[in-house]
């Protein structure tokens, strides 16, 4: 998951530190559940209050999901990775 600036001015990576999963909410409503290791566990409208027995942290991002996915694919291509999302 690439770093982005959030609505409150903080950075996404600042919220990903710790043992909890992070739920990134886009302006259109879809949510990205980001595991503690930075991999995306789920993309959809389902809200996860906990992941792996730990409460999740919810943050709101200013970028639409479509733009975020394009950014993610570009970052993965730069790193030589494919576009496959890791399973849970």
PDB file of N, CA and C in Angstrom:
ATOM      1  N   UNK A   1       0.851  -1.169   0.000  1.00  0.00           N
ATOM      2  CA  UNK A   1       0.000   0.000   0.000  1.00  0.00           C
ATOM      3  C   UNK A   1       0.896   1.231   0.000  1.00  0.00           C
ATOM      4  N   UNK A   2       0.720   2.127  -0.974  1.00  0.00           N
ATOM      5  CA  UNK A   2       1.548   3.340  -1.005  1.00  0.00           C
ATOM      6  C   UNK A   2       1.108   4.347   0.058  1.00  0.00           C
ATOM      7  N   UNK A   3       2.015   5.198   0.463  1.00  0.00           N
ATOM      8  CA  UNK A   3       1.711   6.236   1.438  1.00  0.00           C
ATOM      9  C   UNK A   3       0.916   7.346   0.755  1.00  0.00           C
ATOM     10  N   UNK A   4      -0.074   7.901   1.441  1.00  0.00           N
ATOM     11  CA  UNK A   4      -0.851   9.036   0.941  1.00  0.00           C
ATOM     12  C   UNK A   4      -1.101   9.993   2.094  1.00  0.00           C
ATOM     13  N   UNK A   5      -1.369  11.250   1.755  1.00  0.00           N
ATOM     14  CA  UNK A   5      -1.751  12.229   2.771  1.00  0.00           C
ATOM     15  C   UNK A   5      -3.248  12.079   3.005  1.00  0.00           C
ATOM     16  N   UNK A   6      -3.666  12.076   4.287  1.00  0.00           N
ATOM     17  CA  UNK A   6      -5.058  11.872   4.658  1.00  0.00           C
ATOM     18  C   UNK A   6      -5.780  13.198   4.863  1.00  0.00           C
ATOM     19  N   UNK A   7      -7.097  13.131   5.050  1.00  0.00           N
ATOM     20  CA  UNK A   7      -7.920  14.326   5.218  1.00  0.00           C
ATOM     21  C   UNK A   7      -7.451  15.209   6.372  1.00  0.00           C
ATOM     22  N   UNK A   8      -6.942  14.596   7.437  1.00  0.00           N
ATOM     23  CA  UNK A   8      -6.506  15.368   8.606  1.00  0.00           C
ATOM     24  C   UNK A   8      -5.072  15.889   8.481  1.00  0.00           C
ATOM     25  N   UNK A   9      -4.428  15.630   7.312  1.00  0.00           N
ATOM     26  CA  UNK A   9      -3.067  16.106   7.077  1.00  0.00           C
ATOM     27  C   UNK A   9      -1.987  15.108   7.455  1.00  0.00           C
ATOM     28  N   UNK A  10      -2.348  14.046   8.164  1.00  0.00           N
ATOM     29  CA  UNK A  10      -1.352  13.032   8.528  1.00  0.00           C
ATOM     30  C   UNK A  10      -1.074  12.121   7.332  1.00  0.00           C
ATOM     31  N   UNK A  11      -0.105  11.237   7.483  1.00  0.00           N
ATOM     32  CA  UNK A  11       0.253  10.305   6.415  1.00  0.00           C
ATOM     33  C   UNK A  11      -0.285   8.916   6.754  1.00  0.00           C
ATOM     34  N   UNK A  12      -0.673   8.162   5.728  1.00  0.00           N
ATOM     35  CA  UNK A  12      -1.197   6.820   5.920  1.00  0.00           C
ATOM     36  C   UNK A  12      -0.206   5.956   6.695  1.00  0.00           C
ATOM     37  N   UNK A  13       1.070   6.014   6.327  1.00  0.00           N
ATOM     38  CA  UNK A  13       2.068   5.167   6.986  1.00  0.00           C
ATOM     39  C   UNK A  13       2.162   5.437   8.488  1.00  0.00           C
ATOM     40  N   UNK A  14       1.838   6.671   8.919  1.00  0.00           N
ATOM     41  CA  UNK A  14       1.845   6.974  10.352  1.00  0.00           C
ATOM     42  C   UNK A  14       0.809   6.135  11.096  1.00  0.00           C
ATOM     43  N   UNK A  15      -0.304   5.819  10.424  1.00  0.00           N
ATOM     44  CA  UNK A  15      -1.384   5.052  11.051  1.00  0.00           C
ATOM     45  C   UNK A  15      -1.187   3.545  10.926  1.00  0.00           C
ATOM     46  N   UNK A  16      -0.290   3.115  10.059  1.00  0.00           N
ATOM     47  CA  UNK A  16      -0.080   1.684   9.857  1.00  0.00           C
ATOM     48  C   UNK A  16       0.888   1.074  10.859  1.00  0.00           C
ATOM     49  N   UNK A  17       1.500   1.898  11.678  1.00  0.00           N
ATOM     50  CA  UNK A  17       2.428   1.363  12.685  1.00  0.00           C
ATOM     51  C   UNK A  17       1.636   0.707  13.804  1.00  0.00           C
ATOM     52  N   UNK A  18       2.082  -0.414  14.261  1.00  0.00           N
ATOM     53  CA  UNK A  18       1.415  -1.100  15.359  1.00  0.00           C
ATOM     54  C   UNK A  18       0.927  -2.474  14.947  1.00  0.00           C
ATOM     55  N   UNK A  19       0.241  -3.137  15.858  1.00  0.00           N
ATOM     56  CA  UNK A  19      -0.209  -4.510  15.613  1.00  0.00           C
ATOM     57  C   UNK A  19      -1.636  -4.578  15.089  1.00  0.00           C
ATOM     58  N   UNK A  20      -2.305  -3.445  14.943  1.00  0.00           N
ATOM     59  CA  UNK A  20      -3.682  -3.453  14.502  1.00  0.00           C
ATOM     60  C   UNK A  20      -3.784  -3.332  12.982  1.00  0.00           C
ATOM     61  N   UNK A  21      -4.885  -3.821  12.429  1.00  0.00           N
ATOM     62  CA  UNK A  21      -5.187  -3.592  11.013  1.00  0.00           C
ATOM     63  C   UNK A  21      -5.788  -2.197  10.893  1.00  0.00           C
ATOM     64  N   UNK A  22      -5.708  -1.629   9.714  1.00  0.00           N
ATOM     65  CA  UNK A  22      -6.226  -0.291   9.468  1.00  0.00           C
ATOM     66  C   UNK A  22      -7.264  -0.348   8.361  1.00  0.00           C
ATOM     67  N   UNK A  23      -8.398   0.284   8.579  1.00  0.00           N
ATOM     68  CA  UNK A  23      -9.454   0.345   7.578  1.00  0.00           C
ATOM     69  C   UNK A  23      -9.410   1.731   6.938  1.00  0.00           C
ATOM     70  N   UNK A  24      -9.060   1.760   5.651  1.00  0.00           N
ATOM     71  CA  UNK A  24      -8.943   3.005   4.898  1.00  0.00           C
ATOM     72  C   UNK A  24     -10.265   3.217   4.170  1.00  0.00           C
ATOM     73  N   UNK A  25     -11.006   4.281   4.523  1.00  0.00           N
ATOM     74  CA  UNK A  25     -12.311   4.556   3.939  1.00  0.00           C
ATOM     75  C   UNK A  25     -12.151   5.617   2.858  1.00  0.00           C
ATOM     76  N   UNK A  26     -12.625   5.308   1.650  1.00  0.00           N
ATOM     77  CA  UNK A  26     -12.531   6.228   0.522  1.00  0.00           C
ATOM     78  C   UNK A  26     -13.752   7.145   0.477  1.00  0.00           C
ATOM     79  N   UNK A  27     -13.681   8.244  -0.281  1.00  0.00           N
ATOM     80  CA  UNK A  27     -14.821   9.162  -0.364  1.00  0.00           C
ATOM     81  C   UNK A  27     -16.111   8.508  -0.874  1.00  0.00           C
ATOM     82  N   UNK A  28     -16.001   7.520  -1.781  1.00  0.00           N
ATOM     83  CA  UNK A  28     -17.199   6.875  -2.315  1.00  0.00           C
ATOM     84  C   UNK A  28     -17.780   5.848  -1.351  1.00  0.00           C
ATOM     85  N   UNK A  29     -17.044   5.463  -0.332  1.00  0.00           N
ATOM     86  CA  UNK A  29     -17.543   4.495   0.629  1.00  0.00           C
ATOM     87  C   UNK A  29     -16.808   3.176   0.671  1.00  0.00           C
ATOM     88  N   UNK A  30     -16.241   2.668  -0.442  1.00  0.00           N
ATOM     89  CA  UNK A  30     -15.497   1.409  -0.322  1.00  0.00           C
ATOM     90  C   UNK A  30     -14.364   1.532   0.692  1.00  0.00           C
ATOM     91  N   UNK A  31     -14.081   0.427   1.333  1.00  0.00           N
ATOM     92  CA  UNK A  31     -13.067   0.384   2.386  1.00  0.00           C
ATOM     93  C   UNK A  31     -11.966  -0.592   2.002  1.00  0.00           C
ATOM     94  N   UNK A  32     -10.746  -0.235   2.339  1.00  0.00           N
ATOM     95  CA  UNK A  32      -9.606  -1.128   2.154  1.00  0.00           C
ATOM     96  C   UNK A  32      -9.137  -1.532   3.540  1.00  0.00           C
ATOM     97  N   UNK A  33      -9.165  -2.824   3.821  1.00  0.00           N
ATOM     98  CA  UNK A  33      -8.670  -3.317   5.097  1.00  0.00           C
ATOM     99  C   UNK A  33      -7.210  -3.678   4.900  1.00  0.00           C
ATOM    100  N   UNK A  34      -6.323  -2.963   5.592  1.00  0.00           N
ATOM    101  CA  UNK A  34      -4.883  -3.141   5.446  1.00  0.00           C
ATOM    102  C   UNK A  34      -4.371  -3.891   6.667  1.00  0.00           C
ATOM    103  N   UNK A  35      -3.764  -5.033   6.405  1.00  0.00           N
ATOM    104  CA  UNK A  35      -3.225  -5.858   7.491  1.00  0.00           C
ATOM    105  C   UNK A  35      -2.070  -5.135   8.181  1.00  0.00           C
ATOM    106  N   UNK A  36      -1.699  -5.577   9.384  1.00  0.00           N
ATOM    107  CA  UNK A  36      -0.574  -4.950  10.088  1.00  0.00           C
ATOM    108  C   UNK A  36       0.745  -5.001   9.310  1.00  0.00           C
ATOM    109  N   UNK A  37       0.903  -5.987   8.407  1.00  0.00           N
ATOM    110  CA  UNK A  37       2.131  -6.065   7.623  1.00  0.00           C
ATOM    111  C   UNK A  37       2.074  -5.231   6.336  1.00  0.00           C
ATOM    112  N   UNK A  38       0.986  -4.477   6.137  1.00  0.00           N
ATOM    113  CA  UNK A  38       0.880  -3.572   4.994  1.00  0.00           C
ATOM    114  C   UNK A  38       0.174  -4.148   3.779  1.00  0.00           C
ATOM    115  N   UNK A  39      -0.120  -5.435   3.778  1.00  0.00           N
ATOM    116  CA  UNK A  39      -0.842  -6.032   2.658  1.00  0.00           C
ATOM    117  C   UNK A  39      -2.332  -5.733   2.770  1.00  0.00           C
ATOM    118  N   UNK A  40      -3.021  -5.659   1.643  1.00  0.00           N
ATOM    119  CA  UNK A  40      -4.451  -5.412   1.633  1.00  0.00           C
ATOM    120  C   UNK A  40      -5.175  -6.735   1.855  1.00  0.00           C
ATOM    121  N   UNK A  41      -6.008  -6.783   2.894  1.00  0.00           N
ATOM    122  CA  UNK A  41      -6.739  -8.000   3.232  1.00  0.00           C
ATOM    123  C   UNK A  41      -8.115  -8.033   2.569  1.00  0.00           C
ATOM    124  N   UNK A  42      -8.727  -6.865   2.352  1.00  0.00           N
ATOM    125  CA  UNK A  42     -10.083  -6.837   1.809  1.00  0.00           C
ATOM    126  C   UNK A  42     -10.353  -5.475   1.170  1.00  0.00           C
ATOM    127  N   UNK A  43     -11.082  -5.483   0.065  1.00  0.00           N
ATOM    128  CA  UNK A  43     -11.583  -4.255  -0.561  1.00  0.00           C
ATOM    129  C   UNK A  43     -13.074  -4.451  -0.750  1.00  0.00           C
ATOM    130  N   UNK A  44     -13.884  -3.557  -0.220  1.00  0.00           N
ATOM    131  CA  UNK A  44     -15.333  -3.660  -0.350  1.00  0.00           C
ATOM    132  C   UNK A  44     -16.026  -2.710   0.598  1.00  0.00           C
ATOM    133  N   UNK A  45     -17.315  -2.916   0.794  1.00  0.00           N
ATOM    134  CA  UNK A  45     -18.091  -2.025   1.657  1.00  0.00           C
ATOM    135  C   UNK A  45     -18.254  -2.561   3.073  1.00  0.00           C
ATOM    136  N   UNK A  46     -17.779  -3.767   3.327  1.00  0.00           N
ATOM    137  CA  UNK A  46     -17.900  -4.372   4.653  1.00  0.00           C
ATOM    138  C   UNK A  46     -16.996  -3.669   5.659  1.00  0.00           C
ATOM    139  N   UNK A  47     -17.555  -3.346   6.827  1.00  0.00           N
ATOM    140  CA  UNK A  47     -16.778  -2.745   7.908  1.00  0.00           C
ATOM    141  C   UNK A  47     -16.257  -3.865   8.811  1.00  0.00           C
ATOM    142  N   UNK A  48     -14.973  -3.833   9.116  1.00  0.00           N
ATOM    143  CA  UNK A  48     -14.365  -4.805  10.025  1.00  0.00           C
ATOM    144  C   UNK A  48     -13.990  -4.087  11.315  1.00  0.00           C
ATOM    145  N   UNK A  49     -14.650  -4.440  12.406  1.00  0.00           N
ATOM    146  CA  UNK A  49     -14.328  -3.803  13.687  1.00  0.00           C
ATOM    147  C   UNK A  49     -13.087  -4.413  14.316  1.00  0.00           C
ATOM    148  N   UNK A  50     -12.737  -5.644  13.871  1.00  0.00           N
ATOM    149  CA  UNK A  50     -11.508  -6.261  14.358  1.00  0.00           C
ATOM    150  C   UNK A  50     -10.925  -7.153  13.274  1.00  0.00           C
ATOM    151  N   UNK A  51      -9.629  -7.425  13.413  1.00  0.00           N
ATOM    152  CA  UNK A  51      -8.918  -8.295  12.481  1.00  0.00           C
ATOM    153  C   UNK A  51      -7.884  -9.057  13.290  1.00  0.00           C
ATOM    154  N   UNK A  52      -7.888 -10.370  13.178  1.00  0.00           N
ATOM    155  CA  UNK A  52      -6.951 -11.240  13.913  1.00  0.00           C
ATOM    156  C   UNK A  52      -7.011 -10.985  15.416  1.00  0.00           C
ATOM    157  N   UNK A  53      -8.226 -10.729  15.917  1.00  0.00           N
ATOM    158  CA  UNK A  53      -8.419 -10.555  17.351  1.00  0.00           C
ATOM    159  C   UNK A  53      -8.083  -9.183  17.898  1.00  0.00           C
ATOM    160  N   UNK A  54      -7.658  -8.260  17.047  1.00  0.00           N
ATOM    161  CA  UNK A  54      -7.316  -6.900  17.475  1.00  0.00           C
ATOM    162  C   UNK A  54      -8.301  -5.910  16.858  1.00  0.00           C
ATOM    163  N   UNK A  55      -8.691  -4.846  17.576  1.00  0.00           N
ATOM    164  CA  UNK A  55      -9.576  -3.843  16.981  1.00  0.00           C
ATOM    165  C   UNK A  55      -8.880  -3.127  15.822  1.00  0.00           C
ATOM    166  N   UNK A  56      -9.640  -2.772  14.807  1.00  0.00           N
ATOM    167  CA  UNK A  56      -9.062  -2.046  13.673  1.00  0.00           C
ATOM    168  C   UNK A  56      -9.106  -0.547  13.932  1.00  0.00           C
ATOM    169  N   UNK A  57      -8.239   0.154  13.245  1.00  0.00           N
ATOM    170  CA  UNK A  57      -8.216   1.619  13.270  1.00  0.00           C
ATOM    171  C   UNK A  57      -8.844   2.075  11.952  1.00  0.00           C
ATOM    172  N   UNK A  58      -9.802   3.004  12.004  1.00  0.00           N
ATOM    173  CA  UNK A  58     -10.442   3.507  10.795  1.00  0.00           C
ATOM    174  C   UNK A  58      -9.933   4.904  10.493  1.00  0.00           C
ATOM    175  N   UNK A  59      -9.502   5.100   9.246  1.00  0.00           N
ATOM    176  CA  UNK A  59      -9.047   6.412   8.790  1.00  0.00           C
ATOM    177  C   UNK A  59      -9.744   6.740   7.481  1.00  0.00           C
ATOM    178  N   UNK A  60      -9.857   8.016   7.168  1.00  0.00           N
ATOM    179  CA  UNK A  60     -10.542   8.466   5.956  1.00  0.00           C
ATOM    180  C   UNK A  60      -9.536   9.113   5.015  1.00  0.00           C
ATOM    181  N   UNK A  61      -9.568   8.666   3.766  1.00  0.00           N
ATOM    182  CA  UNK A  61      -8.639   9.177   2.757  1.00  0.00           C
ATOM    183  C   UNK A  61      -9.319  10.111   1.792  1.00  0.00           C
ATOM    184  N   UNK A  62      -8.583  11.078   1.269  1.00  0.00           N
ATOM    185  CA  UNK A  62      -9.154  12.062   0.362  1.00  0.00           C
ATOM    186  C   UNK A  62      -9.216  11.611  -1.093  1.00  0.00           C
ATOM    187  N   UNK A  63      -8.605  10.494  -1.422  1.00  0.00           N
ATOM    188  CA  UNK A  63      -8.549  10.098  -2.829  1.00  0.00           C
ATOM    189  C   UNK A  63      -9.617   9.057  -3.137  1.00  0.00           C
ATOM    190  N   UNK A  64     -10.267   9.180  -4.294  1.00  0.00           N
ATOM    191  CA  UNK A  64     -11.244   8.163  -4.686  1.00  0.00           C
ATOM    192  C   UNK A  64     -10.572   6.809  -4.850  1.00  0.00           C
ATOM    193  N   UNK A  65     -11.318   5.740  -4.654  1.00  0.00           N
ATOM    194  CA  UNK A  65     -10.777   4.387  -4.747  1.00  0.00           C
ATOM    195  C   UNK A  65     -10.101   4.147  -6.088  1.00  0.00           C
ATOM    196  N   UNK A  66     -10.724   4.589  -7.178  1.00  0.00           N
ATOM    197  CA  UNK A  66     -10.148   4.357  -8.507  1.00  0.00           C
ATOM    198  C   UNK A  66      -8.753   4.969  -8.619  1.00  0.00           C
ATOM    199  N   UNK A  67      -8.589   6.197  -8.130  1.00  0.00           N
ATOM    200  CA  UNK A  67      -7.273   6.838  -8.165  1.00  0.00           C
ATOM    201  C   UNK A  67      -6.304   6.119  -7.243  1.00  0.00           C
ATOM    202  N   UNK A  68      -6.788   5.637  -6.109  1.00  0.00           N
ATOM    203  CA  UNK A  68      -5.933   4.914  -5.173  1.00  0.00           C
ATOM    204  C   UNK A  68      -5.437   3.604  -5.750  1.00  0.00           C
ATOM    205  N   UNK A  69      -6.297   2.909  -6.468  1.00  0.00           N
ATOM    206  CA  UNK A  69      -5.888   1.651  -7.089  1.00  0.00           C
ATOM    207  C   UNK A  69      -4.863   1.921  -8.176  1.00  0.00           C
ATOM    208  N   UNK A  70      -5.046   2.990  -8.952  1.00  0.00           N
ATOM    209  CA  UNK A  70      -4.050   3.347  -9.974  1.00  0.00           C
ATOM    210  C   UNK A  70      -2.710   3.653  -9.317  1.00  0.00           C
ATOM    211  N   UNK A  71      -2.731   4.387  -8.198  1.00  0.00           N
ATOM    212  CA  UNK A  71      -1.494   4.708  -7.471  1.00  0.00           C
ATOM    213  C   UNK A  71      -0.834   3.436  -6.959  1.00  0.00           C
ATOM    214  N   UNK A  72      -1.650   2.523  -6.419  1.00  0.00           N
ATOM    215  CA  UNK A  72      -1.133   1.258  -5.911  1.00  0.00           C
ATOM    216  C   UNK A  72      -0.477   0.455  -7.033  1.00  0.00           C
ATOM    217  N   UNK A  73      -1.125   0.363  -8.185  1.00  0.00           N
ATOM    218  CA  UNK A  73      -0.561  -0.391  -9.305  1.00  0.00           C
ATOM    219  C   UNK A  73       0.749   0.220  -9.783  1.00  0.00           C
ATOM    220  N   UNK A  74       0.824   1.557  -9.831  1.00  0.00           N
ATOM    221  CA  UNK A  74       2.064   2.225 -10.246  1.00  0.00           C
ATOM    222  C   UNK A  74       3.183   1.925  -9.259  1.00  0.00           C
ATOM    223  N   UNK A  75       2.880   1.981  -7.974  1.00  0.00           N
ATOM    224  CA  UNK A  75       3.888   1.714  -6.948  1.00  0.00           C
ATOM    225  C   UNK A  75       4.367   0.269  -7.036  1.00  0.00           C
ATOM    226  N   UNK A  76       3.448  -0.647  -7.285  1.00  0.00           N
ATOM    227  CA  UNK A  76       3.815  -2.058  -7.393  1.00  0.00           C
ATOM    228  C   UNK A  76       4.678  -2.286  -8.627  1.00  0.00           C
ATOM    229  N   UNK A  77       4.344  -1.619  -9.727  1.00  0.00           N
ATOM    230  CA  UNK A  77       5.122  -1.779 -10.956  1.00  0.00           C
ATOM    231  C   UNK A  77       6.541  -1.249 -10.749  1.00  0.00           C
ATOM    232  N   UNK A  78       6.673  -0.133 -10.022  1.00  0.00           N
ATOM    233  CA  UNK A  78       8.005   0.426  -9.746  1.00  0.00           C
ATOM    234  C   UNK A  78       8.837  -0.540  -8.916  1.00  0.00           C
ATOM    235  N   UNK A  79       8.171  -1.284  -8.034  1.00  0.00           N
ATOM    236  CA  UNK A  79       8.871  -2.223  -7.175  1.00  0.00           C
ATOM    237  C   UNK A  79       9.055  -3.585  -7.819  1.00  0.00           C
ATOM    238  N   UNK A  80       8.580  -3.735  -9.055  1.00  0.00           N
ATOM    239  CA  UNK A  80       8.734  -4.999  -9.763  1.00  0.00           C
ATOM    240  C   UNK A  80       7.725  -6.049  -9.362  1.00  0.00           C
ATOM    241  N   UNK A  81       6.681  -5.651  -8.651  1.00  0.00           N
ATOM    242  CA  UNK A  81       5.658  -6.608  -8.205  1.00  0.00           C
ATOM    243  C   UNK A  81       4.527  -6.670  -9.226  1.00  0.00           C
ATOM    244  N   UNK A  82       3.794  -7.763  -9.195  1.00  0.00           N
ATOM    245  CA  UNK A  82       2.606  -7.885 -10.026  1.00  0.00           C
ATOM    246  C   UNK A  82       1.467  -7.118  -9.387  1.00  0.00           C
ATOM    247  N   UNK A  83       0.272  -7.229  -9.944  1.00  0.00           N
ATOM    248  CA  UNK A  83      -0.872  -6.512  -9.403  1.00  0.00           C
ATOM    249  C   UNK A  83      -1.774  -7.428  -8.596  1.00  0.00           C
ATOM    250  N   UNK A  84      -1.303  -8.618  -8.265  1.00  0.00           N
ATOM    251  CA  UNK A  84      -2.113  -9.552  -7.484  1.00  0.00           C
ATOM    252  C   UNK A  84      -2.148  -9.122  -6.025  1.00  0.00           C
ATOM    253  N   UNK A  85      -3.337  -9.124  -5.439  1.00  0.00           N
ATOM    254  CA  UNK A  85      -3.494  -8.782  -4.028  1.00  0.00           C
ATOM    255  C   UNK A  85      -3.299 -10.048  -3.210  1.00  0.00           C
ATOM    256  N   UNK A  86      -2.536  -9.938  -2.160  1.00  0.00           N
ATOM    257  CA  UNK A  86      -2.227 -11.075  -1.300  1.00  0.00           C
ATOM    258  C   UNK A  86      -3.488 -11.574  -0.587  1.00  0.00           C
ATOM    259  N   UNK A  87      -3.656 -12.898  -0.433  1.00  0.00           N
ATOM    260  CA  UNK A  87      -4.801 -13.408   0.326  1.00  0.00           C
ATOM    261  C   UNK A  87      -4.647 -13.111   1.817  1.00  0.00           C
ATOM    262  N   UNK A  88      -5.726 -13.240   2.542  1.00  0.00           N
ATOM    263  CA  UNK A  88      -5.712 -12.969   3.993  1.00  0.00           C
ATOM    264  C   UNK A  88      -4.802 -13.926   4.702  1.00  0.00           C
TER     265      UNK A  88
END
